[in-house]
Amino acid sequence: MVAAEAVQQWLVTRVSELTGIPPHEVDVEAPIERAGLDSIQMLVLTADLENWLGFRFRGDPLDEFPTIAALARFVAAQGREGRSRN
């Protein structure tokens, strides 16, 4: 199980790496795309998150959870509920 805070920090760091925005300037409550990620970078971010977590999402989680904070809470809840994410 991964805590929401750990997922959020990972996402902030990765968005920072992809965009060049300093981590402290990444807004976790704004849609991730507002950070300046293009569609390819959004796919890379999702794939990297899947690799880090060790599972695959069904569909694109950013469609339903477009902010870093929302996505982090979703991932943490999935771990707590023990749902299959394959």
PDB file of N, CA and C in Angstrom:
ATOM      1  N   MET A   1       0.847  -1.174   0.000  1.00  0.00           N
ATOM      2  CA  MET A   1       0.000   0.000   0.000  1.00  0.00           C
ATOM      3  C   MET A   1       0.895   1.240   0.000  1.00  0.00           C
ATOM      4  N   VAL A   2       0.519   2.200  -0.809  1.00  0.00           N
ATOM      5  CA  VAL A   2       1.270   3.442  -0.915  1.00  0.00           C
ATOM      6  C   VAL A   2       0.407   4.571  -0.367  1.00  0.00           C
ATOM      7  N   ALA A   3       0.974   5.382   0.497  1.00  0.00           N
ATOM      8  CA  ALA A   3       0.246   6.513   1.072  1.00  0.00           C
ATOM      9  C   ALA A   3       0.042   7.606   0.032  1.00  0.00           C
ATOM     10  N   ALA A   4      -1.066   8.319   0.157  1.00  0.00           N
ATOM     11  CA  ALA A   4      -1.378   9.400  -0.773  1.00  0.00           C
ATOM     12  C   ALA A   4      -0.252  10.436  -0.808  1.00  0.00           C
ATOM     13  N   GLU A   5       0.343  10.714   0.350  1.00  0.00           N
ATOM     14  CA  GLU A   5       1.423  11.713   0.409  1.00  0.00           C
ATOM     15  C   GLU A   5       2.628  11.281  -0.418  1.00  0.00           C
ATOM     16  N   ALA A   6       2.947   9.985  -0.381  1.00  0.00           N
ATOM     17  CA  ALA A   6       4.085   9.477  -1.154  1.00  0.00           C
ATOM     18  C   ALA A   6       3.801   9.558  -2.647  1.00  0.00           C
ATOM     19  N   VAL A   7       2.586   9.214  -3.040  1.00  0.00           N
ATOM     20  CA  VAL A   7       2.209   9.297  -4.454  1.00  0.00           C
ATOM     21  C   VAL A   7       2.233  10.753  -4.903  1.00  0.00           C
ATOM     22  N   GLN A   8       1.694  11.625  -4.075  1.00  0.00           N
ATOM     23  CA  GLN A   8       1.675  13.047  -4.419  1.00  0.00           C
ATOM     24  C   GLN A   8       3.089  13.580  -4.596  1.00  0.00           C
ATOM     25  N   GLN A   9       3.988  13.244  -3.692  1.00  0.00           N
ATOM     26  CA  GLN A   9       5.360  13.714  -3.802  1.00  0.00           C
ATOM     27  C   GLN A   9       6.038  13.171  -5.055  1.00  0.00           C
ATOM     28  N   TRP A  10       5.797  11.901  -5.359  1.00  0.00           N
ATOM     29  CA  TRP A  10       6.369  11.302  -6.566  1.00  0.00           C
ATOM     30  C   TRP A  10       5.870  12.049  -7.793  1.00  0.00           C
ATOM     31  N   LEU A  11       4.551  12.317  -7.842  1.00  0.00           N
ATOM     32  CA  LEU A  11       3.971  13.020  -8.988  1.00  0.00           C
ATOM     33  C   LEU A  11       4.522  14.437  -9.117  1.00  0.00           C
ATOM     34  N   VAL A  12       4.656  15.140  -8.008  1.00  0.00           N
ATOM     35  CA  VAL A  12       5.219  16.497  -8.040  1.00  0.00           C
ATOM     36  C   VAL A  12       6.632  16.451  -8.610  1.00  0.00           C
ATOM     37  N   THR A  13       7.430  15.520  -8.135  1.00  0.00           N
ATOM     38  CA  THR A  13       8.808  15.396  -8.611  1.00  0.00           C
ATOM     39  C   THR A  13       8.846  15.081 -10.101  1.00  0.00           C
ATOM     40  N   ARG A  14       7.995  14.158 -10.533  1.00  0.00           N
ATOM     41  CA  ARG A  14       8.008  13.750 -11.949  1.00  0.00           C
ATOM     42  C   ARG A  14       7.500  14.870 -12.848  1.00  0.00           C
ATOM     43  N   VAL A  15       6.440  15.567 -12.431  1.00  0.00           N
ATOM     44  CA  VAL A  15       5.949  16.706 -13.222  1.00  0.00           C
ATOM     45  C   VAL A  15       7.037  17.772 -13.310  1.00  0.00           C
ATOM     46  N   SER A  16       7.731  18.009 -12.223  1.00  0.00           N
ATOM     47  CA  SER A  16       8.824  18.968 -12.215  1.00  0.00           C
ATOM     48  C   SER A  16       9.907  18.566 -13.219  1.00  0.00           C
ATOM     49  N   GLU A  17      10.261  17.289 -13.225  1.00  0.00           N
ATOM     50  CA  GLU A  17      11.282  16.794 -14.158  1.00  0.00           C
ATOM     51  C   GLU A  17      10.838  16.949 -15.615  1.00  0.00           C
ATOM     52  N   LEU A  18       9.578  16.684 -15.878  1.00  0.00           N
ATOM     53  CA  LEU A  18       9.071  16.751 -17.252  1.00  0.00           C
ATOM     54  C   LEU A  18       8.895  18.174 -17.763  1.00  0.00           C
ATOM     55  N   THR A  19       8.623  19.108 -16.852  1.00  0.00           N
ATOM     56  CA  THR A  19       8.311  20.479 -17.271  1.00  0.00           C
ATOM     57  C   THR A  19       9.399  21.500 -16.967  1.00  0.00           C
ATOM     58  N   GLY A  20      10.265  21.191 -16.017  1.00  0.00           N
ATOM     59  CA  GLY A  20      11.263  22.166 -15.589  1.00  0.00           C
ATOM     60  C   GLY A  20      10.745  23.131 -14.535  1.00  0.00           C
ATOM     61  N   ILE A  21       9.493  22.973 -14.124  1.00  0.00           N
ATOM     62  CA  ILE A  21       8.935  23.799 -13.057  1.00  0.00           C
ATOM     63  C   ILE A  21       9.519  23.325 -11.732  1.00  0.00           C
ATOM     64  N   PRO A  22      10.001  24.228 -10.884  1.00  0.00           N
ATOM     65  CA  PRO A  22      10.508  23.798  -9.576  1.00  0.00           C
ATOM     66  C   PRO A  22       9.412  23.069  -8.799  1.00  0.00           C
ATOM     67  N   PRO A  23       9.761  22.008  -8.079  1.00  0.00           N
ATOM     68  CA  PRO A  23       8.746  21.230  -7.350  1.00  0.00           C
ATOM     69  C   PRO A  23       7.840  22.070  -6.459  1.00  0.00           C
ATOM     70  N   HIS A  24       8.395  23.075  -5.803  1.00  0.00           N
ATOM     71  CA  HIS A  24       7.568  23.882  -4.894  1.00  0.00           C
ATOM     72  C   HIS A  24       6.547  24.747  -5.634  1.00  0.00           C
ATOM     73  N   GLU A  25       6.673  24.856  -6.951  1.00  0.00           N
ATOM     74  CA  GLU A  25       5.731  25.636  -7.749  1.00  0.00           C
ATOM     75  C   GLU A  25       4.676  24.771  -8.433  1.00  0.00           C
ATOM     76  N   VAL A  26       4.766  23.462  -8.314  1.00  0.00           N
ATOM     77  CA  VAL A  26       3.780  22.571  -8.919  1.00  0.00           C
ATOM     78  C   VAL A  26       2.531  22.594  -8.036  1.00  0.00           C
ATOM     79  N   ASP A  27       1.414  23.007  -8.619  1.00  0.00           N
ATOM     80  CA  ASP A  27       0.148  23.121  -7.885  1.00  0.00           C
ATOM     81  C   ASP A  27      -0.571  21.774  -7.899  1.00  0.00           C
ATOM     82  N   VAL A  28      -0.664  21.129  -6.745  1.00  0.00           N
ATOM     83  CA  VAL A  28      -1.255  19.795  -6.670  1.00  0.00           C
ATOM     84  C   VAL A  28      -2.770  19.817  -6.798  1.00  0.00           C
ATOM     85  N   GLU A  29      -3.386  20.995  -6.697  1.00  0.00           N
ATOM     86  CA  GLU A  29      -4.849  21.111  -6.810  1.00  0.00           C
ATOM     87  C   GLU A  29      -5.303  21.575  -8.187  1.00  0.00           C
ATOM     88  N   ALA A  30      -4.375  21.955  -9.047  1.00  0.00           N
ATOM     89  CA  ALA A  30      -4.706  22.369 -10.412  1.00  0.00           C
ATOM     90  C   ALA A  30      -4.603  21.158 -11.344  1.00  0.00           C
ATOM     91  N   PRO A  31      -5.372  21.157 -12.432  1.00  0.00           N
ATOM     92  CA  PRO A  31      -5.217  20.064 -13.397  1.00  0.00           C
ATOM     93  C   PRO A  31      -3.754  19.930 -13.828  1.00  0.00           C
ATOM     94  N   ILE A  32      -3.297  18.698 -13.889  1.00  0.00           N
ATOM     95  CA  ILE A  32      -1.888  18.434 -14.214  1.00  0.00           C
ATOM     96  C   ILE A  32      -1.494  19.067 -15.543  1.00  0.00           C
ATOM     97  N   GLU A  33      -2.401  19.064 -16.505  1.00  0.00           N
ATOM     98  CA  GLU A  33      -2.071  19.623 -17.816  1.00  0.00           C
ATOM     99  C   GLU A  33      -1.728  21.111 -17.748  1.00  0.00           C
ATOM    100  N   ARG A  34      -2.196  21.817 -16.728  1.00  0.00           N
ATOM    101  CA  ARG A  34      -1.859  23.241 -16.583  1.00  0.00           C
ATOM    102  C   ARG A  34      -0.384  23.463 -16.291  1.00  0.00           C
ATOM    103  N   ALA A  35       0.308  22.412 -15.883  1.00  0.00           N
ATOM    104  CA  ALA A  35       1.746  22.525 -15.633  1.00  0.00           C
ATOM    105  C   ALA A  35       2.519  22.616 -16.942  1.00  0.00           C
ATOM    106  N   GLY A  36       1.824  22.420 -18.063  1.00  0.00           N
ATOM    107  CA  GLY A  36       2.484  22.546 -19.356  1.00  0.00           C
ATOM    108  C   GLY A  36       2.825  21.229 -20.012  1.00  0.00           C
ATOM    109  N   LEU A  37       2.282  20.136 -19.503  1.00  0.00           N
ATOM    110  CA  LEU A  37       2.554  18.832 -20.113  1.00  0.00           C
ATOM    111  C   LEU A  37       1.755  18.684 -21.407  1.00  0.00           C
ATOM    112  N   ASP A  38       2.413  18.202 -22.445  1.00  0.00           N
ATOM    113  CA  ASP A  38       1.679  17.902 -23.675  1.00  0.00           C
ATOM    114  C   ASP A  38       1.121  16.480 -23.575  1.00  0.00           C
ATOM    115  N   SER A  39       0.414  16.029 -24.598  1.00  0.00           N
ATOM    116  CA  SER A  39      -0.248  14.724 -24.532  1.00  0.00           C
ATOM    117  C   SER A  39       0.750  13.576 -24.395  1.00  0.00           C
ATOM    118  N   ILE A  40       1.881  13.685 -25.029  1.00  0.00           N
ATOM    119  CA  ILE A  40       2.914  12.640 -24.923  1.00  0.00           C
ATOM    120  C   ILE A  40       3.458  12.591 -23.495  1.00  0.00           C
ATOM    121  N   GLN A  41       3.733  13.747 -22.920  1.00  0.00           N
ATOM    122  CA  GLN A  41       4.248  13.798 -21.552  1.00  0.00           C
ATOM    123  C   GLN A  41       3.210  13.271 -20.554  1.00  0.00           C
ATOM    124  N   MET A  42       1.934  13.499 -20.830  1.00  0.00           N
ATOM    125  CA  MET A  42       0.883  12.963 -19.957  1.00  0.00           C
ATOM    126  C   MET A  42       0.904  11.431 -20.002  1.00  0.00           C
ATOM    127  N   LEU A  43       1.086  10.870 -21.195  1.00  0.00           N
ATOM    128  CA  LEU A  43       1.181   9.412 -21.327  1.00  0.00           C
ATOM    129  C   LEU A  43       2.428   8.884 -20.616  1.00  0.00           C
ATOM    130  N   VAL A  44       3.531   9.588 -20.764  1.00  0.00           N
ATOM    131  CA  VAL A  44       4.777   9.197 -20.092  1.00  0.00           C
ATOM    132  C   VAL A  44       4.581   9.229 -18.582  1.00  0.00           C
ATOM    133  N   LEU A  45       3.951  10.280 -18.090  1.00  0.00           N
ATOM    134  CA  LEU A  45       3.701  10.399 -16.656  1.00  0.00           C
ATOM    135  C   LEU A  45       2.874   9.215 -16.152  1.00  0.00           C
ATOM    136  N   THR A  46       1.802   8.883 -16.860  1.00  0.00           N
ATOM    137  CA  THR A  46       0.950   7.764 -16.451  1.00  0.00           C
ATOM    138  C   THR A  46       1.721   6.450 -16.498  1.00  0.00           C
ATOM    139  N   ALA A  47       2.482   6.219 -17.566  1.00  0.00           N
ATOM    140  CA  ALA A  47       3.268   4.984 -17.684  1.00  0.00           C
ATOM    141  C   ALA A  47       4.328   4.899 -16.586  1.00  0.00           C
ATOM    142  N   ASP A  48       4.982   6.011 -16.303  1.00  0.00           N
ATOM    143  CA  ASP A  48       5.993   6.026 -15.240  1.00  0.00           C
ATOM    144  C   ASP A  48       5.355   5.734 -13.881  1.00  0.00           C
ATOM    145  N   LEU A  49       4.162   6.288 -13.652  1.00  0.00           N
ATOM    146  CA  LEU A  49       3.455   6.034 -12.397  1.00  0.00           C
ATOM    147  C   LEU A  49       3.087   4.555 -12.291  1.00  0.00           C
ATOM    148  N   GLU A  50       2.596   3.980 -13.373  1.00  0.00           N
ATOM    149  CA  GLU A  50       2.289   2.552 -13.375  1.00  0.00           C
ATOM    150  C   GLU A  50       3.527   1.718 -13.058  1.00  0.00           C
ATOM    151  N   ASN A  51       4.640   2.064 -13.659  1.00  0.00           N
ATOM    152  CA  ASN A  51       5.886   1.331 -13.402  1.00  0.00           C
ATOM    153  C   ASN A  51       6.317   1.484 -11.948  1.00  0.00           C
ATOM    154  N   TRP A  52       6.206   2.685 -11.420  1.00  0.00           N
ATOM    155  CA  TRP A  52       6.595   2.927 -10.026  1.00  0.00           C
ATOM    156  C   TRP A  52       5.707   2.148  -9.061  1.00  0.00           C
ATOM    157  N   LEU A  53       4.407   2.110  -9.358  1.00  0.00           N
ATOM    158  CA  LEU A  53       3.459   1.420  -8.486  1.00  0.00           C
ATOM    159  C   LEU A  53       3.439  -0.088  -8.706  1.00  0.00           C
ATOM    160  N   GLY A  54       3.841  -0.511  -9.913  1.00  0.00           N
ATOM    161  CA  GLY A  54       3.847  -1.937 -10.228  1.00  0.00           C
ATOM    162  C   GLY A  54       2.507  -2.490 -10.661  1.00  0.00           C
ATOM    163  N   PHE A  55       1.669  -1.661 -11.228  1.00  0.00           N
ATOM    164  CA  PHE A  55       0.402  -2.141 -11.777  1.00  0.00           C
ATOM    165  C   PHE A  55      -0.050  -1.240 -12.911  1.00  0.00           C
ATOM    166  N   ARG A  56      -1.030  -1.714 -13.666  1.00  0.00           N
ATOM    167  CA  ARG A  56      -1.588  -0.953 -14.790  1.00  0.00           C
ATOM    168  C   ARG A  56      -2.967  -0.420 -14.424  1.00  0.00           C
ATOM    169  N   PHE A  57      -3.212   0.809 -14.830  1.00  0.00           N
ATOM    170  CA  PHE A  57      -4.534   1.396 -14.661  1.00  0.00           C
ATOM    171  C   PHE A  57      -5.459   0.887 -15.756  1.00  0.00           C
ATOM    172  N   ARG A  58      -6.735   0.837 -15.454  1.00  0.00           N
ATOM    173  CA  ARG A  58      -7.742   0.616 -16.489  1.00  0.00           C
ATOM    174  C   ARG A  58      -8.071   1.996 -17.040  1.00  0.00           C
ATOM    175  N   GLY A  59      -7.882   2.191 -18.303  1.00  0.00           N
ATOM    176  CA  GLY A  59      -8.140   3.503 -18.888  1.00  0.00           C
ATOM    177  C   GLY A  59      -7.108   4.525 -18.460  1.00  0.00           C
ATOM    178  N   ASP A  60      -7.478   5.783 -18.606  1.00  0.00           N
ATOM    179  CA  ASP A  60      -6.585   6.882 -18.240  1.00  0.00           C
ATOM    180  C   ASP A  60      -7.072   7.501 -16.936  1.00  0.00           C
ATOM    181  N   PRO A  61      -6.331   7.306 -15.839  1.00  0.00           N
ATOM    182  CA  PRO A  61      -6.793   7.836 -14.552  1.00  0.00           C
ATOM    183  C   PRO A  61      -6.850   9.357 -14.521  1.00  0.00           C
ATOM    184  N   LEU A  62      -6.114  10.017 -15.419  1.00  0.00           N
ATOM    185  CA  LEU A  62      -6.116  11.478 -15.420  1.00  0.00           C
ATOM    186  C   LEU A  62      -7.420  12.039 -15.972  1.00  0.00           C
ATOM    187  N   ASP A  63      -8.196  11.216 -16.679  1.00  0.00           N
ATOM    188  CA  ASP A  63      -9.509  11.666 -17.136  1.00  0.00           C
ATOM    189  C   ASP A  63     -10.436  11.891 -15.947  1.00  0.00           C
ATOM    190  N   GLU A  64     -10.407  10.977 -15.003  1.00  0.00           N
ATOM    191  CA  GLU A  64     -11.291  11.061 -13.841  1.00  0.00           C
ATOM    192  C   GLU A  64     -10.659  11.812 -12.667  1.00  0.00           C
ATOM    193  N   PHE A  65      -9.347  11.763 -12.568  1.00  0.00           N
ATOM    194  CA  PHE A  65      -8.617  12.385 -11.458  1.00  0.00           C
ATOM    195  C   PHE A  65      -7.541  13.303 -12.039  1.00  0.00           C
ATOM    196  N   PRO A  66      -7.930  14.496 -12.508  1.00  0.00           N
ATOM    197  CA  PRO A  66      -7.013  15.343 -13.273  1.00  0.00           C
ATOM    198  C   PRO A  66      -5.977  16.119 -12.470  1.00  0.00           C
ATOM    199  N   THR A  67      -6.081  16.113 -11.133  1.00  0.00           N
ATOM    200  CA  THR A  67      -5.094  16.838 -10.340  1.00  0.00           C
ATOM    201  C   THR A  67      -4.165  15.847  -9.638  1.00  0.00           C
ATOM    202  N   ILE A  68      -3.009  16.323  -9.263  1.00  0.00           N
ATOM    203  CA  ILE A  68      -2.060  15.476  -8.535  1.00  0.00           C
ATOM    204  C   ILE A  68      -2.675  14.998  -7.229  1.00  0.00           C
ATOM    205  N   ALA A  69      -3.321  15.891  -6.498  1.00  0.00           N
ATOM    206  CA  ALA A  69      -3.907  15.527  -5.211  1.00  0.00           C
ATOM    207  C   ALA A  69      -4.999  14.472  -5.383  1.00  0.00           C
ATOM    208  N   ALA A  70      -5.871  14.653  -6.359  1.00  0.00           N
ATOM    209  CA  ALA A  70      -6.961  13.691  -6.591  1.00  0.00           C
ATOM    210  C   ALA A  70      -6.417  12.339  -7.026  1.00  0.00           C
ATOM    211  N   LEU A  71      -5.448  12.342  -7.915  1.00  0.00           N
ATOM    212  CA  LEU A  71      -4.858  11.088  -8.389  1.00  0.00           C
ATOM    213  C   LEU A  71      -4.154  10.364  -7.241  1.00  0.00           C
ATOM    214  N   ALA A  72      -3.450  11.097  -6.406  1.00  0.00           N
ATOM    215  CA  ALA A  72      -2.755  10.490  -5.263  1.00  0.00           C
ATOM    216  C   ALA A  72      -3.747   9.854  -4.292  1.00  0.00           C
ATOM    217  N   ARG A  73      -4.843  10.543  -4.029  1.00  0.00           N
ATOM    218  CA  ARG A  73      -5.869   9.981  -3.134  1.00  0.00           C
ATOM    219  C   ARG A  73      -6.492   8.727  -3.737  1.00  0.00           C
ATOM    220  N   PHE A  74      -6.754   8.757  -5.039  1.00  0.00           N
ATOM    221  CA  PHE A  74      -7.323   7.600  -5.727  1.00  0.00           C
ATOM    222  C   PHE A  74      -6.395   6.396  -5.620  1.00  0.00           C
ATOM    223  N   VAL A  75      -5.124   6.596  -5.916  1.00  0.00           N
ATOM    224  CA  VAL A  75      -4.156   5.494  -5.867  1.00  0.00           C
ATOM    225  C   VAL A  75      -4.069   4.933  -4.452  1.00  0.00           C
ATOM    226  N   ALA A  76      -4.007   5.796  -3.457  1.00  0.00           N
ATOM    227  CA  ALA A  76      -3.928   5.336  -2.070  1.00  0.00           C
ATOM    228  C   ALA A  76      -5.185   4.571  -1.670  1.00  0.00           C
ATOM    229  N   ALA A  77      -6.345   5.047  -2.090  1.00  0.00           N
ATOM    230  CA  ALA A  77      -7.604   4.371  -1.767  1.00  0.00           C
ATOM    231  C   ALA A  77      -7.666   2.997  -2.419  1.00  0.00           C
ATOM    232  N   GLN A  78      -7.158   2.886  -3.623  1.00  0.00           N
ATOM    233  CA  GLN A  78      -7.154   1.600  -4.313  1.00  0.00           C
ATOM    234  C   GLN A  78      -6.332   0.591  -3.527  1.00  0.00           C
ATOM    235  N   GLY A  79      -5.209   1.037  -2.987  1.00  0.00           N
ATOM    236  CA  GLY A  79      -4.368   0.153  -2.187  1.00  0.00           C
ATOM    237  C   GLY A  79      -5.051  -0.282  -0.896  1.00  0.00           C
ATOM    238  N   ARG A  80      -5.731   0.654  -0.251  1.00  0.00           N
ATOM    239  CA  ARG A  80      -6.432   0.352   1.001  1.00  0.00           C
ATOM    240  C   ARG A  80      -7.593  -0.601   0.769  1.00  0.00           C
ATOM    241  N   GLU A  81      -8.282  -0.457  -0.356  1.00  0.00           N
ATOM    242  CA  GLU A  81      -9.437  -1.288  -0.644  1.00  0.00           C
ATOM    243  C   GLU A  81      -9.042  -2.645  -1.214  1.00  0.00           C
ATOM    244  N   GLY A  82      -7.761  -2.763  -1.623  1.00  0.00           N
ATOM    245  CA  GLY A  82      -7.274  -4.021  -2.154  1.00  0.00           C
ATOM    246  C   GLY A  82      -7.887  -4.400  -3.490  1.00  0.00           C
ATOM    247  N   ARG A  83      -8.331  -3.413  -4.235  1.00  0.00           N
ATOM    248  CA  ARG A  83      -8.930  -3.679  -5.541  1.00  0.00           C
ATOM    249  C   ARG A  83      -7.877  -4.085  -6.541  1.00  0.00           C
ATOM    250  N   SER A  84      -8.280  -4.906  -7.469  1.00  0.00           N
ATOM    251  CA  SER A  84      -7.405  -5.262  -8.581  1.00  0.00           C
ATOM    252  C   SER A  84      -7.357  -4.098  -9.538  1.00  0.00           C
ATOM    253  N   ARG A  85      -6.180  -3.733  -9.978  1.00  0.00           N
ATOM    254  CA  ARG A  85      -6.018  -2.626 -10.903  1.00  0.00           C
ATOM    255  C   ARG A  85      -5.554  -3.116 -12.262  1.00  0.00           C
ATOM    256  N   ASN A  86      -5.688  -4.364 -12.519  1.00  0.00           N
ATOM    257  CA  ASN A  86      -5.264  -4.909 -13.813  1.00  0.00           C
ATOM    258  C   ASN A  86      -6.383  -4.844 -14.810  1.00  0.00           C
TER     259      ASN A  86
END
